[in-house]
């Protein structure tokens, strides 16, 4: 019985040490938050990129309509539709990718300059965190002006 109590005391002590260590580590983290959608919409190239995306989607839609009208087999029509839909999504990703990369780099630069070690989506945080959204937008604008 005494042995059992001693092992329980040791386990509780170890758990307290682990929790205290974990708390110290988390206390050292400095958390920033951002609104990714707001940042993306404020990107200097967003409007022009969206116009390109709309143009590509329109072309793919017209290609799909023409190919579907020429086809009589419903199964092949569905395949054509899926294929054109996938092509459009890949083109959109290709056009948007540089913007995503620039946003990521701006977030990293702002976070590093402010000593932030973790950046989260503001929508996923209930409380706390340093809002970096406007600083990231300004960084993107500054980078764009330098081009």
Protein backbone atom coordinates (compact mmCIF):
# COMPACT_ATOMS: atom_id res chain seq x y z
CA UNK A 1 0.00 0.00 0.00
CA UNK A 2 2.82 2.39 0.93
CA UNK A 3 4.58 1.49 -2.27
CA UNK A 4 1.45 2.25 -4.32
CA UNK A 5 1.04 5.69 -2.69
CA UNK A 6 4.70 6.44 -3.32
CA UNK A 7 4.38 5.60 -7.02
CA UNK A 8 1.23 7.76 -7.26
CA UNK A 9 3.10 10.68 -5.66
CA UNK A 10 5.98 10.20 -8.09
CA UNK A 11 3.60 10.07 -11.09
CA UNK A 12 1.79 13.22 -9.97
CA UNK A 13 5.13 14.99 -9.43
CA UNK A 14 6.32 14.01 -12.91
CA UNK A 15 3.03 15.20 -14.44
CA UNK A 16 3.33 18.55 -12.65
CA UNK A 17 6.87 18.99 -13.94
CA UNK A 18 5.76 18.16 -17.49
CA UNK A 19 2.83 20.60 -17.31
CA UNK A 20 5.02 23.31 -15.83
CA UNK A 21 7.58 22.82 -18.61
CA UNK A 22 4.87 22.90 -21.28
CA UNK A 23 3.42 26.08 -19.77
CA UNK A 24 6.83 27.73 -19.86
CA UNK A 25 7.24 26.80 -23.52
CA UNK A 26 3.79 28.13 -24.46
CA UNK A 27 4.38 31.27 -22.44
CA UNK A 28 7.46 31.94 -24.58
CA UNK A 29 5.36 31.78 -27.77
CA UNK A 30 4.13 35.10 -29.10
CA UNK A 31 0.96 34.61 -31.14
CA UNK A 32 -0.16 36.76 -34.05
CA UNK A 33 -3.45 36.58 -35.90
CA UNK A 34 -4.41 37.54 -39.45
CA UNK A 35 -7.51 37.77 -41.61
CA UNK A 36 -6.29 35.92 -44.73
CA UNK A 37 -9.26 36.82 -46.91
CA UNK A 38 -8.98 40.53 -46.11
CA UNK A 39 -5.25 40.43 -46.87
CA UNK A 40 -5.81 38.66 -50.18
CA UNK A 41 -8.58 41.06 -51.22
CA UNK A 42 -6.29 44.01 -50.42
CA UNK A 43 -3.36 42.58 -52.41
CA UNK A 44 -2.41 45.14 -55.07
CA UNK A 45 -2.63 42.52 -57.86
CA UNK A 46 -5.84 40.86 -56.68
CA UNK A 47 -8.27 42.66 -59.01
CA UNK A 48 -6.15 42.10 -62.11
CA UNK A 49 -5.66 38.45 -61.21
CA UNK A 50 -9.39 38.00 -60.63
CA UNK A 51 -10.06 39.42 -64.11
CA UNK A 52 -7.64 36.89 -65.60
CA UNK A 53 -9.33 34.10 -63.63
CA UNK A 54 -12.77 35.17 -64.88
CA UNK A 55 -11.47 35.22 -68.44
CA UNK A 56 -9.99 31.74 -68.16
CA UNK A 57 -13.18 30.39 -66.56
CA UNK A 58 -15.24 31.91 -69.36
CA UNK A 59 -13.04 30.30 -72.02
CA UNK A 60 -13.21 26.91 -70.29
CA UNK A 61 -16.98 27.21 -69.94
CA UNK A 62 -17.36 28.00 -73.65
CA UNK A 63 -15.08 25.10 -74.58
CA UNK A 64 -17.14 22.79 -72.38
CA UNK A 65 -20.44 23.98 -73.89
CA UNK A 66 -19.19 23.49 -77.45
CA UNK A 67 -17.78 20.04 -76.72
CA UNK A 68 -20.90 18.95 -74.83
CA UNK A 69 -23.21 20.15 -77.62
CA UNK A 70 -21.21 18.16 -80.17
CA UNK A 71 -21.45 15.01 -78.04
CA UNK A 72 -24.49 12.72 -77.92
CA UNK A 73 -23.41 10.31 -75.17
CA UNK A 74 -24.43 11.62 -71.72
CA UNK A 75 -21.56 9.78 -70.03
CA UNK A 76 -19.04 11.50 -72.31
CA UNK A 77 -20.79 14.84 -71.73
CA UNK A 78 -20.27 14.38 -68.00
CA UNK A 79 -16.61 13.50 -68.56
CA UNK A 80 -16.12 16.60 -70.72
CA UNK A 81 -17.73 18.77 -68.06
CA UNK A 82 -15.54 17.31 -65.29
CA UNK A 83 -12.42 17.63 -67.42
CA UNK A 84 -13.06 21.30 -68.25
CA UNK A 85 -13.95 22.01 -64.64
CA UNK A 86 -10.65 20.48 -63.52
CA UNK A 87 -8.70 22.42 -66.17
CA UNK A 88 -10.33 25.66 -65.00
CA UNK A 89 -9.46 24.93 -61.37
CA UNK A 90 -5.83 24.22 -62.29
CA UNK A 91 -5.61 27.47 -64.28
CA UNK A 92 -7.13 29.42 -61.39
CA UNK A 93 -4.61 27.86 -58.99
CA UNK A 94 -1.76 28.74 -61.35
CA UNK A 95 -2.90 32.38 -61.55
CA UNK A 96 -3.53 32.78 -57.82
CA UNK A 97 -0.41 30.95 -56.64
CA UNK A 98 1.95 33.96 -56.91
CA UNK A 99 -0.43 36.05 -54.78
CA UNK A 100 -0.61 33.34 -52.12
CA UNK A 101 3.17 33.13 -52.08
CA UNK A 102 3.55 36.92 -51.73
CA UNK A 103 1.03 36.95 -48.86
CA UNK A 104 2.89 34.15 -47.11
CA UNK A 105 6.22 35.96 -47.45
CA UNK A 106 4.70 39.22 -46.17
CA UNK A 107 3.19 37.41 -43.17
CA UNK A 108 6.57 35.84 -42.38
CA UNK A 109 8.39 39.17 -42.68
CA UNK A 110 5.92 41.07 -40.49
CA UNK A 111 5.82 38.29 -37.90
CA UNK A 112 9.60 38.11 -37.75
CA UNK A 113 9.94 41.89 -37.39
CA UNK A 114 7.48 41.87 -34.46
CA UNK A 115 8.97 38.80 -32.76
CA UNK A 116 5.85 36.72 -33.44
CA UNK A 117 6.52 32.98 -33.30
CA UNK A 118 3.07 31.67 -34.28
CA UNK A 119 0.53 33.16 -36.71
CA UNK A 120 -3.05 31.87 -36.80
CA UNK A 121 -6.20 32.66 -38.75
CA UNK A 122 -8.11 35.21 -36.66
CA UNK A 123 -11.36 33.32 -37.28
CA UNK A 124 -9.93 30.32 -35.42
CA UNK A 125 -8.88 32.27 -32.32
CA UNK A 126 -11.43 33.00 -29.62
CA UNK A 127 -9.33 35.42 -27.63
CA UNK A 128 -5.93 37.06 -27.76
CA UNK A 129 -3.19 37.31 -30.29
CA UNK A 130 -1.65 40.34 -31.93
CA UNK A 131 -3.51 41.33 -35.11
CA UNK A 132 -1.02 41.59 -37.98
CA UNK A 133 -3.56 41.98 -40.79
CA UNK A 134 -3.05 45.68 -41.54
CA UNK A 135 0.73 45.38 -41.18
CA UNK A 136 0.77 42.56 -43.73
CA UNK A 137 -1.39 44.59 -46.14
CA UNK A 138 1.02 47.52 -45.80
CA UNK A 139 3.97 45.19 -46.43
CA UNK A 140 2.33 43.90 -49.62
CA UNK A 141 1.68 47.45 -50.83
CA UNK A 142 5.26 48.44 -50.02
CA UNK A 143 6.61 45.42 -51.93
CA UNK A 144 4.33 46.18 -54.89
CA UNK A 145 5.44 49.83 -55.01
CA UNK A 146 9.05 48.65 -55.16
CA UNK A 147 8.43 46.57 -58.30
